[in-house]
Amino acid sequence: MDAPVVAQIIQKLKQLPNHLQRQVLIFVDALQISSIRGQPGKNLLFLAGSISSEDLTLMQQTIESGCEQVDSDEW
């Protein structure tokens, strides 16, 4: 592991408020799991609820407003 990168991450992480540090931890856990093949779904349950309802609503609105639309001038 690249020690300077880890040191930079730790330095920046210490500056974040506690709730954002928890989000980083959840993200790192997800990265670790994604690199392992064949995990049963029950091992991913800790991620349930990690996306706020506001973010889910925003994602749904973005998908609904931007999907299935063709920009004929794009190409």
N, C-alpha and C. Protein backbone atom coordinates (compact mmCIF):
# COMPACT_ATOMS: atom_id res chain seq x y z
N MET A 1 0.85 -1.18 0.00
CA MET A 1 0.00 0.00 0.00
C MET A 1 0.89 1.24 0.00
N ASP A 2 0.48 2.25 -0.71
CA ASP A 2 1.24 3.48 -0.84
C ASP A 2 1.06 4.34 0.41
N ALA A 3 2.07 4.38 1.27
CA ALA A 3 1.99 5.08 2.55
C ALA A 3 1.64 6.56 2.41
N PRO A 4 2.24 7.30 1.44
CA PRO A 4 1.87 8.71 1.31
C PRO A 4 0.38 8.91 1.00
N VAL A 5 -0.20 8.04 0.19
CA VAL A 5 -1.62 8.15 -0.14
C VAL A 5 -2.45 7.90 1.11
N VAL A 6 -2.10 6.87 1.85
CA VAL A 6 -2.83 6.56 3.08
C VAL A 6 -2.74 7.72 4.07
N ALA A 7 -1.56 8.30 4.19
CA ALA A 7 -1.37 9.43 5.10
C ALA A 7 -2.23 10.62 4.67
N GLN A 8 -2.32 10.87 3.36
CA GLN A 8 -3.15 11.96 2.86
C GLN A 8 -4.62 11.71 3.15
N ILE A 9 -5.04 10.47 2.95
CA ILE A 9 -6.44 10.12 3.21
C ILE A 9 -6.75 10.33 4.68
N ILE A 10 -5.88 9.85 5.54
CA ILE A 10 -6.10 9.99 6.99
C ILE A 10 -6.14 11.45 7.39
N GLN A 11 -5.24 12.25 6.85
CA GLN A 11 -5.21 13.68 7.16
C GLN A 11 -6.53 14.36 6.77
N LYS A 12 -7.00 14.07 5.58
CA LYS A 12 -8.25 14.67 5.12
C LYS A 12 -9.45 14.13 5.89
N LEU A 13 -9.42 12.85 6.21
CA LEU A 13 -10.51 12.22 6.94
C LEU A 13 -10.67 12.84 8.32
N LYS A 14 -9.57 13.14 8.97
CA LYS A 14 -9.62 13.74 10.31
C LYS A 14 -10.30 15.11 10.29
N GLN A 15 -10.30 15.77 9.15
CA GLN A 15 -10.90 17.10 9.04
C GLN A 15 -12.41 17.05 8.82
N LEU A 16 -12.92 15.88 8.48
CA LEU A 16 -14.35 15.74 8.21
C LEU A 16 -15.14 15.58 9.50
N PRO A 17 -16.38 16.05 9.51
CA PRO A 17 -17.23 15.80 10.67
C PRO A 17 -17.53 14.30 10.79
N ASN A 18 -17.92 13.88 11.97
CA ASN A 18 -18.12 12.47 12.28
C ASN A 18 -19.08 11.78 11.31
N HIS A 19 -20.19 12.43 10.95
CA HIS A 19 -21.16 11.77 10.07
C HIS A 19 -20.57 11.52 8.68
N LEU A 20 -19.68 12.37 8.22
CA LEU A 20 -19.04 12.14 6.92
C LEU A 20 -17.95 11.08 7.03
N GLN A 21 -17.29 11.00 8.17
CA GLN A 21 -16.32 9.93 8.39
C GLN A 21 -17.02 8.58 8.32
N ARG A 22 -18.23 8.50 8.87
CA ARG A 22 -18.98 7.25 8.81
C ARG A 22 -19.33 6.89 7.36
N GLN A 23 -19.67 7.89 6.55
CA GLN A 23 -19.98 7.63 5.14
C GLN A 23 -18.75 7.09 4.42
N VAL A 24 -17.58 7.64 4.74
CA VAL A 24 -16.34 7.16 4.14
C VAL A 24 -16.10 5.70 4.54
N LEU A 25 -16.35 5.38 5.80
CA LEU A 25 -16.18 4.00 6.26
C LEU A 25 -17.11 3.06 5.51
N ILE A 26 -18.36 3.45 5.33
CA ILE A 26 -19.31 2.63 4.58
C ILE A 26 -18.82 2.44 3.15
N PHE A 27 -18.31 3.50 2.54
CA PHE A 27 -17.80 3.42 1.17
C PHE A 27 -16.61 2.47 1.09
N VAL A 28 -15.68 2.58 2.04
CA VAL A 28 -14.51 1.70 2.03
C VAL A 28 -14.93 0.24 2.21
N ASP A 29 -15.89 0.00 3.11
CA ASP A 29 -16.41 -1.35 3.28
C ASP A 29 -16.99 -1.88 1.98
N ALA A 30 -17.73 -1.04 1.27
CA ALA A 30 -18.33 -1.45 0.00
C ALA A 30 -17.25 -1.75 -1.03
N LEU A 31 -16.19 -0.96 -1.06
CA LEU A 31 -15.09 -1.21 -1.99
C LEU A 31 -14.43 -2.56 -1.70
N GLN A 32 -14.23 -2.85 -0.43
CA GLN A 32 -13.63 -4.13 -0.07
C GLN A 32 -14.50 -5.29 -0.51
N ILE A 33 -15.78 -5.17 -0.28
CA ILE A 33 -16.70 -6.24 -0.65
C ILE A 33 -16.76 -6.40 -2.16
N SER A 34 -16.73 -5.28 -2.89
CA SER A 34 -16.84 -5.36 -4.34
C SER A 34 -15.65 -6.05 -4.98
N SER A 35 -14.54 -6.11 -4.28
CA SER A 35 -13.35 -6.76 -4.85
C SER A 35 -13.36 -8.27 -4.58
N ILE A 36 -14.32 -8.72 -3.79
CA ILE A 36 -14.44 -10.14 -3.47
C ILE A 36 -15.60 -10.72 -4.26
N ARG A 37 -15.37 -11.78 -4.96
CA ARG A 37 -16.41 -12.42 -5.76
C ARG A 37 -17.19 -13.41 -4.92
N GLY A 38 -18.46 -13.58 -5.27
CA GLY A 38 -19.26 -14.63 -4.70
C GLY A 38 -19.80 -14.38 -3.31
N GLN A 39 -19.99 -13.11 -2.93
CA GLN A 39 -20.55 -12.80 -1.62
C GLN A 39 -22.06 -12.98 -1.65
N PRO A 40 -22.61 -13.66 -0.68
CA PRO A 40 -24.07 -13.75 -0.60
C PRO A 40 -24.67 -12.39 -0.28
N GLY A 41 -25.88 -12.18 -0.72
CA GLY A 41 -26.55 -10.91 -0.51
C GLY A 41 -26.64 -10.50 0.95
N LYS A 42 -26.76 -11.47 1.85
CA LYS A 42 -26.88 -11.13 3.27
C LYS A 42 -25.64 -10.41 3.79
N ASN A 43 -24.50 -10.60 3.13
CA ASN A 43 -23.28 -9.90 3.54
C ASN A 43 -23.29 -8.43 3.14
N LEU A 44 -24.24 -8.04 2.30
CA LEU A 44 -24.34 -6.65 1.86
C LEU A 44 -25.41 -5.87 2.60
N LEU A 45 -26.11 -6.53 3.49
CA LEU A 45 -27.22 -5.88 4.18
C LEU A 45 -26.78 -4.67 5.00
N PHE A 46 -25.51 -4.63 5.41
CA PHE A 46 -25.05 -3.48 6.19
C PHE A 46 -25.12 -2.19 5.38
N LEU A 47 -25.18 -2.32 4.04
CA LEU A 47 -25.28 -1.13 3.18
C LEU A 47 -26.71 -0.59 3.10
N ALA A 48 -27.67 -1.41 3.50
CA ALA A 48 -29.08 -0.97 3.42
C ALA A 48 -29.27 0.29 4.24
N GLY A 49 -29.88 1.28 3.61
CA GLY A 49 -30.15 2.54 4.29
C GLY A 49 -28.99 3.51 4.28
N SER A 50 -27.90 3.17 3.60
CA SER A 50 -26.74 4.06 3.61
C SER A 50 -26.91 5.24 2.65
N ILE A 51 -27.89 5.17 1.76
CA ILE A 51 -28.19 6.30 0.88
C ILE A 51 -29.41 7.00 1.44
N SER A 52 -29.28 8.29 1.65
CA SER A 52 -30.38 9.05 2.26
C SER A 52 -31.60 9.06 1.35
N SER A 53 -32.77 9.22 1.94
CA SER A 53 -34.00 9.25 1.15
C SER A 53 -34.01 10.45 0.19
N GLU A 54 -33.38 11.55 0.60
CA GLU A 54 -33.29 12.72 -0.27
C GLU A 54 -32.47 12.39 -1.52
N ASP A 55 -31.35 11.69 -1.32
CA ASP A 55 -30.51 11.32 -2.46
C ASP A 55 -31.23 10.32 -3.36
N LEU A 56 -31.96 9.39 -2.77
CA LEU A 56 -32.72 8.42 -3.57
C LEU A 56 -33.78 9.11 -4.41
N THR A 57 -34.47 10.08 -3.81
CA THR A 57 -35.48 10.84 -4.54
C THR A 57 -34.84 11.60 -5.70
N LEU A 58 -33.71 12.23 -5.43
CA LEU A 58 -33.00 12.98 -6.47
C LEU A 58 -32.56 12.05 -7.60
N MET A 59 -32.04 10.88 -7.26
CA MET A 59 -31.63 9.92 -8.29
C MET A 59 -32.82 9.47 -9.12
N GLN A 60 -33.94 9.20 -8.47
CA GLN A 60 -35.13 8.76 -9.19
C GLN A 60 -35.62 9.85 -10.13
N GLN A 61 -35.65 11.09 -9.66
CA GLN A 61 -36.10 12.20 -10.50
C GLN A 61 -35.16 12.39 -11.69
N THR A 62 -33.88 12.26 -11.46
CA THR A 62 -32.90 12.42 -12.54
C THR A 62 -33.07 11.32 -13.58
N ILE A 63 -33.26 10.10 -13.13
CA ILE A 63 -33.46 8.99 -14.05
C ILE A 63 -34.73 9.20 -14.87
N GLU A 64 -35.80 9.56 -14.19
CA GLU A 64 -37.08 9.74 -14.89
C GLU A 64 -37.05 10.90 -15.87
N SER A 65 -36.31 11.94 -15.56
CA SER A 65 -36.29 13.10 -16.45
C SER A 65 -35.28 12.94 -17.58
N GLY A 66 -34.28 12.09 -17.41
CA GLY A 66 -33.23 12.01 -18.41
C GLY A 66 -33.18 10.73 -19.22
N CYS A 67 -33.91 9.74 -18.82
CA CYS A 67 -33.85 8.45 -19.52
C CYS A 67 -34.81 8.43 -20.70
N GLU A 68 -34.48 7.59 -21.65
CA GLU A 68 -35.29 7.35 -22.83
C GLU A 68 -35.51 8.61 -23.67
N GLN A 69 -34.56 9.53 -23.58
CA GLN A 69 -34.63 10.73 -24.41
C GLN A 69 -33.48 10.68 -25.40
N VAL A 70 -33.77 10.99 -26.63
CA VAL A 70 -32.75 10.95 -27.67
C VAL A 70 -32.47 12.37 -28.13
N ASP A 71 -31.18 12.72 -28.12
CA ASP A 71 -30.74 14.01 -28.62
C ASP A 71 -30.22 13.79 -30.03
N SER A 72 -31.02 14.09 -31.03
CA SER A 72 -30.66 13.80 -32.42
C SER A 72 -29.46 14.64 -32.89
N ASP A 73 -29.15 15.72 -32.18
CA ASP A 73 -28.00 16.56 -32.55
C ASP A 73 -26.72 16.15 -31.84
N GLU A 74 -26.82 15.13 -31.00
CA GLU A 74 -25.66 14.74 -30.21
C GLU A 74 -24.55 14.16 -31.07
N TRP A 75 -24.89 13.39 -32.10
CA TRP A 75 -23.88 12.76 -32.95
C TRP A 75 -23.73 13.57 -34.17
